């Protein structure tokens, strides 16, 4: 039996277990998806324990997405973003062995490979919803989700503007995106857009000629609030809210009323989970089955 799971604290609210378990049943796989909730100071021991127990792969959620960087071998995208949400204990993507390093007592320690499927999931969610990743995107929030989504959009060639409660944090993320684009010698410079950062008070002006709005904050989760003034929304926008509880946030309702195309957070959750499933198993994920299992619990 293959055992996969989710590590974080807390994890009791997660929708990943039913989504992945539904995929295993659909494909008649001998596999289980379980949750692990170590104390924040016990992450290294938990990763070592997972390795010793023969865990195949783990999703990683808050508060461990950045801390786990030091405990794995991140791929290029995850290293650039600075956060991990998927660990593979078996092998890297091309099938070669996971990285081994010597320990103090002379043994070898296999470090899992680390990936960020949040970025992959966000891009696939938008593309699957028919959004053209061209023009200018405004990303609200510069935390873990904001970083992953911003890098995904910049890699797609969009001009990315970051707005955050703390303007300096937004500018730091925008600078990282710009530095990343200028340092990328493997990609034609025309494929990377420009980036800048602002405070939230700049949103009305920023959205006036934007093509895509992304809420990557927790505003709207279990509360009737929106991070964006209603009057700043318009029909030329596509609006993506990474919040998935509730599935219909105030932002999405107001955006739809303004004539904008809307994409809910469950779509990103689905695609990031599907990307992890594909990474671990090498099989095509049953998206419809996973989506049904996910939305049945929202």
Protein backbone atom coordinates (compact mmCIF):
# COMPACT_ATOMS: atom_id res chain seq x y z
CA UNK A 1 0.00 0.00 0.00
CA UNK A 2 1.17 3.52 -0.83
CA UNK A 3 0.60 6.07 1.90
CA UNK A 4 0.31 9.75 1.07
CA UNK A 5 -0.68 12.56 3.37
CA UNK A 6 -0.83 16.14 4.51
CA UNK A 7 1.41 17.70 7.14
CA UNK A 8 0.53 20.99 8.80
CA UNK A 9 -0.94 22.50 11.95
CA UNK A 10 -3.90 22.58 12.00
CA UNK A 11 -5.09 20.15 9.32
CA UNK A 12 -8.51 19.06 10.60
CA UNK A 13 -10.27 21.43 8.21
CA UNK A 14 -8.48 20.16 5.09
CA UNK A 15 -10.38 18.94 2.05
CA UNK A 16 -7.35 17.15 0.61
CA UNK A 17 -8.08 13.73 2.19
CA UNK A 18 -11.53 13.20 0.60
CA UNK A 19 -10.30 14.58 -2.72
CA UNK A 20 -7.31 12.22 -2.92
CA UNK A 21 -9.16 9.22 -1.48
CA UNK A 22 -11.81 9.63 -4.18
CA UNK A 23 -9.07 9.45 -6.82
CA UNK A 24 -7.64 6.26 -5.32
CA UNK A 25 -11.05 4.59 -5.33
CA UNK A 26 -11.74 5.65 -8.90
CA UNK A 27 -8.46 4.19 -10.14
CA UNK A 28 -8.65 1.13 -7.87
CA UNK A 29 -5.38 2.04 -6.19
CA UNK A 30 -4.12 0.42 -3.00
CA UNK A 31 -3.42 3.75 -1.32
CA UNK A 32 -4.44 5.93 1.61
CA UNK A 33 -4.21 9.66 2.34
CA UNK A 34 -3.76 10.60 5.99
CA UNK A 35 -3.07 13.76 7.98
CA UNK A 36 -0.20 14.62 10.32
CA UNK A 37 -0.23 17.52 12.77
CA UNK A 38 3.18 17.89 14.45
CA UNK A 39 4.01 20.75 16.77
CA UNK A 40 5.80 23.59 14.94
CA UNK A 41 9.14 22.68 16.51
CA UNK A 42 8.90 19.03 15.50
CA UNK A 43 8.88 19.37 11.72
CA UNK A 44 12.32 17.86 11.12
CA UNK A 45 11.49 14.84 13.28
CA UNK A 46 8.15 14.46 11.51
CA UNK A 47 9.79 14.45 8.07
CA UNK A 48 12.37 11.91 9.26
CA UNK A 49 9.56 9.79 10.69
CA UNK A 50 7.62 9.93 7.45
CA UNK A 51 10.72 8.78 5.58
CA UNK A 52 11.32 5.94 8.06
CA UNK A 53 7.70 4.80 7.82
CA UNK A 54 7.86 4.59 4.04
CA UNK A 55 5.48 7.45 3.31
CA UNK A 56 5.40 7.97 -0.45
CA UNK A 57 4.54 11.66 -0.58
CA UNK A 58 3.27 14.52 1.53
CA UNK A 59 1.44 17.73 0.89
CA UNK A 60 2.66 20.54 3.14
CA UNK A 61 0.47 23.33 4.48
CA UNK A 62 0.76 26.15 7.01
CA UNK A 63 2.88 26.81 9.00
CA UNK A 64 5.52 24.60 7.36
CA UNK A 65 5.69 25.65 3.70
CA UNK A 66 8.82 27.76 4.13
CA UNK A 67 10.45 25.80 6.95
CA UNK A 68 10.46 22.56 4.95
CA UNK A 69 12.75 24.14 2.34
CA UNK A 70 15.73 23.23 4.53
CA UNK A 71 14.60 19.59 4.75
CA UNK A 72 14.25 18.77 1.06
CA UNK A 73 15.69 19.34 -2.40
CA UNK A 74 13.42 21.97 -3.99
CA UNK A 75 12.97 22.09 -7.74
CA UNK A 76 13.66 25.34 -9.57
CA UNK A 77 10.14 26.77 -9.30
CA UNK A 78 9.79 26.00 -5.59
CA UNK A 79 13.22 27.49 -4.87
CA UNK A 80 12.31 30.69 -6.69
CA UNK A 81 9.00 30.98 -4.85
CA UNK A 82 10.61 30.11 -1.53
CA UNK A 83 7.91 27.69 -0.41
CA UNK A 84 7.09 23.99 -0.70
CA UNK A 85 3.68 22.32 -0.64
CA UNK A 86 4.54 18.86 -2.02
CA UNK A 87 7.22 16.36 -1.00
CA UNK A 88 8.14 13.22 -2.94
CA UNK A 89 10.11 10.67 -0.92
CA UNK A 90 10.67 8.25 -3.78
CA UNK A 91 12.31 10.03 -6.69
CA UNK A 92 12.61 13.23 -8.63
CA UNK A 93 10.40 13.86 -11.60
CA UNK A 94 12.65 12.13 -14.14
CA UNK A 95 12.71 8.91 -12.12
CA UNK A 96 16.25 9.30 -10.80
CA UNK A 97 16.90 8.55 -7.12
CA UNK A 98 16.10 11.06 -4.42
CA UNK A 99 19.10 12.97 -3.08
CA UNK A 100 21.23 11.29 -0.42
CA UNK A 101 23.56 13.08 1.97
CA UNK A 102 25.84 11.79 4.74
CA UNK A 103 24.87 12.23 8.39
CA UNK A 104 27.15 12.81 11.39
CA UNK A 105 27.24 9.09 12.25
CA UNK A 106 28.19 8.04 8.74
CA UNK A 107 24.74 6.95 7.59
CA UNK A 108 23.05 8.37 4.53
CA UNK A 109 19.90 10.44 4.66
CA UNK A 110 17.55 10.59 1.70
CA UNK A 111 16.14 14.07 1.26
CA UNK A 112 12.73 14.22 -0.38
CA UNK A 113 12.21 16.28 -3.50
CA UNK A 114 10.19 19.45 -2.94
CA UNK A 115 7.71 21.10 -5.29
CA UNK A 116 5.22 23.96 -5.28
CA UNK A 117 2.01 22.77 -6.92
CA UNK A 118 0.17 25.88 -5.66
CA UNK A 119 1.74 27.78 -8.54
CA UNK A 120 0.94 24.99 -10.99
CA UNK A 121 -2.59 24.70 -9.63
CA UNK A 122 -3.29 28.41 -9.93
CA UNK A 123 -2.13 28.54 -13.54
CA UNK A 124 -4.08 25.42 -14.51
CA UNK A 125 -7.19 26.70 -12.72
CA UNK A 126 -7.12 29.91 -14.73
CA UNK A 127 -6.37 28.21 -18.03
CA UNK A 128 -9.04 25.57 -17.39
CA UNK A 129 -11.52 28.39 -16.80
CA UNK A 130 -10.70 29.96 -20.16
CA UNK A 131 -8.68 32.91 -18.85
CA UNK A 132 -6.07 34.21 -21.28
CA UNK A 133 -2.90 34.80 -19.28
CA UNK A 134 -2.05 37.97 -21.14
CA UNK A 135 -1.98 41.61 -20.15
CA UNK A 136 -1.81 42.80 -16.56
CA UNK A 137 -2.69 40.98 -13.36
CA UNK A 138 -3.25 42.55 -9.95
CA UNK A 139 -2.50 40.12 -7.11
CA UNK A 140 -3.82 41.12 -3.69
CA UNK A 141 -1.65 39.58 -0.98
CA UNK A 142 2.07 38.92 -0.75
CA UNK A 143 2.09 35.87 1.53
CA UNK A 144 2.68 32.26 0.52
CA UNK A 145 -0.28 32.03 -1.85
CA UNK A 146 0.45 35.46 -3.29
CA UNK A 147 4.06 34.54 -3.99
CA UNK A 148 3.15 31.26 -5.69
CA UNK A 149 0.44 32.81 -7.86
CA UNK A 150 2.54 35.86 -8.74
CA UNK A 151 5.43 33.69 -9.95
CA UNK A 152 3.02 31.52 -11.94
CA UNK A 153 1.52 34.55 -13.69
CA UNK A 154 4.89 36.16 -14.33
CA UNK A 155 6.16 32.90 -15.83
CA UNK A 156 3.12 32.93 -18.11
CA UNK A 157 4.20 36.35 -19.38
CA UNK A 158 1.75 38.60 -17.55
CA UNK A 159 2.67 41.97 -16.09
CA UNK A 160 2.12 41.45 -12.35
CA UNK A 161 1.20 44.19 -9.91
CA UNK A 162 1.16 43.21 -6.24
CA UNK A 163 -1.03 45.03 -3.70
CA UNK A 164 -0.68 44.26 -0.02
CA UNK A 165 -1.73 45.68 3.35
CA UNK A 166 1.96 46.41 3.93
CA UNK A 167 3.14 48.16 0.78
CA UNK A 168 6.80 47.39 1.45
CA UNK A 169 6.08 43.65 1.42
CA UNK A 170 4.34 44.07 -1.93
CA UNK A 171 7.34 45.93 -3.31
CA UNK A 172 9.70 43.21 -2.05
CA UNK A 173 7.71 40.52 -3.86
CA UNK A 174 7.55 42.62 -7.01
CA UNK A 175 11.32 43.11 -6.84
CA UNK A 176 11.79 39.35 -6.50
CA UNK A 177 9.68 38.79 -9.60
CA UNK A 178 11.65 41.37 -11.57
CA UNK A 179 15.00 39.96 -10.44
CA UNK A 180 13.84 36.46 -11.29
CA UNK A 181 12.84 37.52 -14.80
CA UNK A 182 16.11 39.34 -15.46
CA UNK A 183 18.17 36.40 -14.18
CA UNK A 184 16.31 33.77 -16.19
CA UNK A 185 18.62 33.00 -19.09
CA UNK A 186 16.61 29.99 -20.23
CA UNK A 187 13.51 32.00 -21.10
CA UNK A 188 13.19 34.65 -23.76
CA UNK A 189 12.91 38.02 -22.00
CA UNK A 190 9.68 38.75 -23.85
CA UNK A 191 8.02 35.87 -22.00
CA UNK A 192 8.36 37.60 -18.62
CA UNK A 193 6.25 40.63 -17.77
CA UNK A 194 7.03 43.60 -15.55
CA UNK A 195 6.23 43.74 -11.84
CA UNK A 196 5.53 46.42 -9.23
CA UNK A 197 4.08 46.66 -5.72
CA UNK A 198 1.60 48.93 -3.92
CA UNK A 199 -0.56 49.31 -0.82
CA UNK A 200 -4.25 48.37 -0.84
CA UNK A 201 -5.34 51.99 -1.16
CA UNK A 202 -4.06 51.94 -4.75
CA UNK A 203 -6.44 49.16 -5.83
CA UNK A 204 -9.09 51.31 -7.59
CA UNK A 205 -6.48 52.92 -9.82
CA UNK A 206 -4.62 49.66 -10.39
CA UNK A 207 -7.73 47.77 -11.45
CA UNK A 208 -8.97 50.37 -13.91
CA UNK A 209 -7.02 48.83 -16.80
CA UNK A 210 -6.23 45.39 -15.35
CA UNK A 211 -7.17 42.13 -17.06
CA UNK A 212 -7.01 39.80 -14.06
CA UNK A 213 -7.59 40.26 -10.33
CA UNK A 214 -6.44 37.63 -7.83
CA UNK A 215 -7.30 37.61 -4.14
CA UNK A 216 -4.50 35.69 -2.44
CA UNK A 217 -5.40 36.83 1.08
CA UNK A 218 -7.67 35.16 3.63
CA UNK A 219 -10.12 38.08 3.53
CA UNK A 220 -13.55 36.64 2.78
CA UNK A 221 -12.90 33.31 4.49
CA UNK A 222 -15.84 32.54 6.77
CA UNK A 223 -16.80 36.21 6.79
CA UNK A 224 -18.76 38.55 4.57
CA UNK A 225 -15.90 40.82 3.54
CA UNK A 226 -13.99 41.65 0.38
CA UNK A 227 -10.44 42.97 0.02
CA UNK A 228 -11.46 45.01 -3.02
CA UNK A 229 -13.84 48.00 -3.18
CA UNK A 230 -17.00 47.09 -5.09
CA UNK A 231 -16.67 50.15 -7.31
CA UNK A 232 -13.25 49.06 -8.56
CA UNK A 233 -14.65 45.94 -10.25
CA UNK A 234 -15.64 45.99 -13.91
CA UNK A 235 -16.72 43.73 -16.74
CA UNK A 236 -13.33 43.53 -18.44
CA UNK A 237 -11.83 41.71 -15.46
CA UNK A 238 -11.41 38.04 -14.73
CA UNK A 239 -11.57 37.67 -10.94
CA UNK A 240 -9.98 34.71 -9.15
CA UNK A 241 -10.46 34.29 -5.39
CA UNK A 242 -8.14 31.73 -3.78
CA UNK A 243 -10.51 31.53 -0.79
CA UNK A 244 -12.69 28.41 -1.04
CA UNK A 245 -14.70 28.67 2.18
CA UNK A 246 -17.24 29.91 1.36
CA UNK A 247 -17.18 28.85 -2.25
CA UNK A 248 -19.10 32.01 -3.19
CA UNK A 249 -17.21 34.82 -1.51
CA UNK A 250 -18.40 38.38 -1.37
CA UNK A 251 -15.68 39.35 -3.85
CA UNK A 252 -16.91 36.80 -6.40
CA UNK A 253 -20.54 37.84 -5.95
CA UNK A 254 -19.73 41.51 -6.44
CA UNK A 255 -17.44 40.76 -9.38
CA UNK A 256 -20.14 38.73 -11.09
CA UNK A 257 -22.62 41.55 -10.55
CA UNK A 258 -20.14 43.89 -12.25
CA UNK A 259 -20.02 41.60 -15.28
CA UNK A 260 -16.63 40.03 -14.56
CA UNK A 261 -15.72 36.40 -15.20
CA UNK A 262 -15.16 34.62 -11.87
CA UNK A 263 -13.07 31.63 -10.76
CA UNK A 264 -13.48 30.17 -7.27
CA UNK A 265 -10.75 28.92 -4.94
CA UNK A 266 -11.84 25.29 -5.12
CA UNK A 267 -10.60 25.22 -8.71
CA UNK A 268 -7.06 26.00 -7.59
CA UNK A 269 -7.32 23.52 -4.71
CA UNK A 270 -8.37 20.85 -7.19
CA UNK A 271 -5.54 21.49 -9.62
CA UNK A 272 -2.79 21.76 -7.01
CA UNK A 273 -3.95 18.44 -5.57
CA UNK A 274 -4.11 16.89 -9.02
CA UNK A 275 -0.58 18.08 -9.78
CA UNK A 276 0.68 16.44 -6.57
CA UNK A 277 -1.20 13.22 -7.41
CA UNK A 278 0.38 13.14 -10.85
CA UNK A 279 3.82 13.83 -9.41
CA UNK A 280 3.57 10.99 -6.88
CA UNK A 281 1.91 8.34 -9.03
CA UNK A 282 2.79 9.14 -12.63
CA UNK A 283 -0.89 8.68 -13.47
CA UNK A 284 -3.46 11.07 -14.88
CA UNK A 285 -5.68 12.27 -12.04
CA UNK A 286 -9.47 11.77 -12.38
CA UNK A 287 -10.27 15.47 -12.19
CA UNK A 288 -14.05 15.17 -12.33
CA UNK A 289 -14.12 12.65 -9.49
CA UNK A 290 -11.76 14.73 -7.37
CA UNK A 291 -13.76 17.88 -8.05
CA UNK A 292 -17.03 16.24 -7.05
CA UNK A 293 -15.54 14.95 -3.80
CA UNK A 294 -14.12 18.37 -3.04
CA UNK A 295 -17.24 20.40 -3.75
CA UNK A 296 -19.50 17.96 -1.90
CA UNK A 297 -17.85 19.16 1.30
CA UNK A 298 -18.09 22.88 0.63
